[in-house]
Amino acid sequence: MRQFVSSVTSKGQVTIPAAVRKHLGVGTPDKITFVLEDNGSVALQPTKFTIRQLRGIVPALSGRTTSDFEDQIEEAMEEEAARITAATPER
């Protein structure tokens, strides 16, 4: 078992050592969950989000509504097809 020591600031902040961040696979701007175990120990784990928690995280496109979604997909597919066609040399 490896141990890492970190100080607590006056604001209650703690720097998570690089080896621990690497082990958890987290970095900026990821979130960490502190798990208080019944036996008194504390575990850190990467925060896993549900779809409900992610709702609204990306702002809506201005001037668009959700009813435009199928149109947006079609538009994106047409733009990608045009991009591919323009990048393909003529034979």
C-alpha atoms as a PDB file:
ATOM      1  CA  MET A   1       0.000   0.000   0.000  1.00  0.00           C
ATOM      2  CA  ARG A   2       1.335   3.451  -0.944  1.00  0.00           C
ATOM      3  CA  GLN A   3       0.480   6.548   1.053  1.00  0.00           C
ATOM      4  CA  PHE A   4       0.487  10.188  -0.026  1.00  0.00           C
ATOM      5  CA  VAL A   5       0.364  13.192   2.307  1.00  0.00           C
ATOM      6  CA  SER A   6      -1.297  16.474   1.364  1.00  0.00           C
ATOM      7  CA  SER A   7      -2.083  19.595   3.396  1.00  0.00           C
ATOM      8  CA  VAL A   8      -5.514  21.119   3.935  1.00  0.00           C
ATOM      9  CA  THR A   9      -5.742  24.870   3.245  1.00  0.00           C
ATOM     10  CA  SER A  10      -7.704  27.354   5.357  1.00  0.00           C
ATOM     11  CA  LYS A  11     -10.471  27.055   2.735  1.00  0.00           C
ATOM     12  CA  GLY A  12     -10.611  23.265   3.179  1.00  0.00           C
ATOM     13  CA  GLN A  13      -8.915  22.589  -0.146  1.00  0.00           C
ATOM     14  CA  VAL A  14      -6.526  19.707  -0.706  1.00  0.00           C
ATOM     15  CA  THR A  15      -4.185  19.101  -3.626  1.00  0.00           C
ATOM     16  CA  ILE A  16      -4.620  15.569  -4.917  1.00  0.00           C
ATOM     17  CA  PRO A  17      -1.137  14.178  -5.575  1.00  0.00           C
ATOM     18  CA  ALA A  18      -0.268  13.564  -9.242  1.00  0.00           C
ATOM     19  CA  ALA A  19       0.136   9.808  -8.702  1.00  0.00           C
ATOM     20  CA  VAL A  20      -3.408   9.614  -7.266  1.00  0.00           C
ATOM     21  CA  ARG A  21      -4.875  11.715 -10.109  1.00  0.00           C
ATOM     22  CA  LYS A  22      -3.122   9.455 -12.626  1.00  0.00           C
ATOM     23  CA  HIS A  23      -4.392   6.330 -10.845  1.00  0.00           C
ATOM     24  CA  LEU A  24      -7.968   7.678 -10.907  1.00  0.00           C
ATOM     25  CA  GLY A  25      -7.618   8.916 -14.483  1.00  0.00           C
ATOM     26  CA  VAL A  26      -8.765  12.431 -13.602  1.00  0.00           C
ATOM     27  CA  GLY A  27      -7.551  15.906 -14.406  1.00  0.00           C
ATOM     28  CA  THR A  28      -8.836  19.404 -14.986  1.00  0.00           C
ATOM     29  CA  PRO A  29     -11.850  19.970 -14.960  1.00  0.00           C
ATOM     30  CA  ASP A  30     -12.958  16.508 -13.772  1.00  0.00           C
ATOM     31  CA  LYS A  31     -14.816  16.024 -10.505  1.00  0.00           C
ATOM     32  CA  ILE A  32     -13.999  13.689  -7.614  1.00  0.00           C
ATOM     33  CA  THR A  33     -16.476  11.926  -5.331  1.00  0.00           C
ATOM     34  CA  PHE A  34     -15.558  11.383  -1.676  1.00  0.00           C
ATOM     35  CA  VAL A  35     -17.087   8.159  -0.357  1.00  0.00           C
ATOM     36  CA  LEU A  36     -17.462   7.885   3.435  1.00  0.00           C
ATOM     37  CA  GLU A  37     -17.361   4.191   4.286  1.00  0.00           C
ATOM     38  CA  ASP A  38     -19.232   2.727   7.278  1.00  0.00           C
ATOM     39  CA  ASN A  39     -15.907   1.616   8.770  1.00  0.00           C
ATOM     40  CA  GLY A  40     -14.707   5.257   8.945  1.00  0.00           C
ATOM     41  CA  SER A  41     -12.431   5.210   5.918  1.00  0.00           C
ATOM     42  CA  VAL A  42     -12.775   7.642   3.035  1.00  0.00           C
ATOM     43  CA  ALA A  43     -12.339   6.690  -0.609  1.00  0.00           C
ATOM     44  CA  LEU A  44     -11.909   8.917  -3.659  1.00  0.00           C
ATOM     45  CA  GLN A  45     -13.355   7.979  -6.997  1.00  0.00           C
ATOM     46  CA  PRO A  46     -13.971   9.739 -10.292  1.00  0.00           C
ATOM     47  CA  THR A  47     -17.463  11.213 -10.453  1.00  0.00           C
ATOM     48  CA  LYS A  48     -19.745   9.444 -12.897  1.00  0.00           C
ATOM     49  CA  PHE A  49     -22.536  11.544 -14.347  1.00  0.00           C
ATOM     50  CA  THR A  50     -25.986  10.389 -15.339  1.00  0.00           C
ATOM     51  CA  ILE A  51     -27.795  11.729 -18.392  1.00  0.00           C
ATOM     52  CA  ARG A  52     -30.112  13.674 -16.066  1.00  0.00           C
ATOM     53  CA  GLN A  53     -27.126  15.426 -14.438  1.00  0.00           C
ATOM     54  CA  LEU A  54     -25.689  16.354 -17.843  1.00  0.00           C
ATOM     55  CA  ARG A  55     -28.921  17.898 -19.099  1.00  0.00           C
ATOM     56  CA  GLY A  56     -28.377  21.543 -19.952  1.00  0.00           C
ATOM     57  CA  ILE A  57     -24.584  21.395 -19.684  1.00  0.00           C
ATOM     58  CA  VAL A  58     -24.262  22.384 -23.345  1.00  0.00           C
ATOM     59  CA  PRO A  59     -26.138  25.546 -24.229  1.00  0.00           C
ATOM     60  CA  ALA A  60     -28.785  25.312 -26.918  1.00  0.00           C
ATOM     61  CA  LEU A  61     -27.999  26.713 -30.336  1.00  0.00           C
ATOM     62  CA  SER A  62     -29.463  30.166 -30.618  1.00  0.00           C
ATOM     63  CA  GLY A  63     -32.464  30.375 -32.888  1.00  0.00           C
ATOM     64  CA  ARG A  64     -33.056  26.604 -32.785  1.00  0.00           C
ATOM     65  CA  THR A  65     -35.620  24.484 -30.975  1.00  0.00           C
ATOM     66  CA  THR A  66     -35.580  20.795 -30.155  1.00  0.00           C
ATOM     67  CA  SER A  67     -38.110  20.250 -32.926  1.00  0.00           C
ATOM     68  CA  ASP A  68     -35.313  21.277 -35.327  1.00  0.00           C
ATOM     69  CA  PHE A  69     -33.186  18.299 -34.250  1.00  0.00           C
ATOM     70  CA  GLU A  70     -33.918  16.122 -37.296  1.00  0.00           C
ATOM     71  CA  ASP A  71     -33.253  19.118 -39.536  1.00  0.00           C
ATOM     72  CA  GLN A  72     -29.944  19.721 -37.738  1.00  0.00           C
ATOM     73  CA  ILE A  73     -28.881  16.108 -38.323  1.00  0.00           C
ATOM     74  CA  GLU A  74     -29.792  16.323 -41.989  1.00  0.00           C
ATOM     75  CA  GLU A  75     -27.953  19.645 -42.337  1.00  0.00           C
ATOM     76  CA  ALA A  76     -24.831  18.238 -40.655  1.00  0.00           C
ATOM     77  CA  MET A  77     -24.886  15.171 -42.918  1.00  0.00           C
ATOM     78  CA  GLU A  78     -25.176  17.365 -46.012  1.00  0.00           C
ATOM     79  CA  GLU A  79     -22.289  19.566 -44.839  1.00  0.00           C
ATOM     80  CA  GLU A  80     -20.108  16.520 -44.187  1.00  0.00           C
ATOM     81  CA  ALA A  81     -20.958  15.030 -47.598  1.00  0.00           C
ATOM     82  CA  ALA A  82     -20.056  18.341 -49.251  1.00  0.00           C
ATOM     83  CA  ARG A  83     -16.776  18.471 -47.321  1.00  0.00           C
ATOM     84  CA  ILE A  84     -15.857  14.923 -48.373  1.00  0.00           C
ATOM     85  CA  THR A  85     -16.842  15.566 -51.982  1.00  0.00           C
ATOM     86  CA  ALA A  86     -14.743  18.753 -52.098  1.00  0.00           C
ATOM     87  CA  ALA A  87     -11.740  16.930 -50.628  1.00  0.00           C
ATOM     88  CA  THR A  88     -11.964  13.985 -53.061  1.00  0.00           C
ATOM     89  CA  PRO A  89      -9.855  14.496 -56.218  1.00  0.00           C
ATOM     90  CA  GLU A  90     -11.689  14.105 -59.515  1.00  0.00           C
ATOM     91  CA  ARG A  91     -10.818  11.076 -61.626  1.00  0.00           C
END
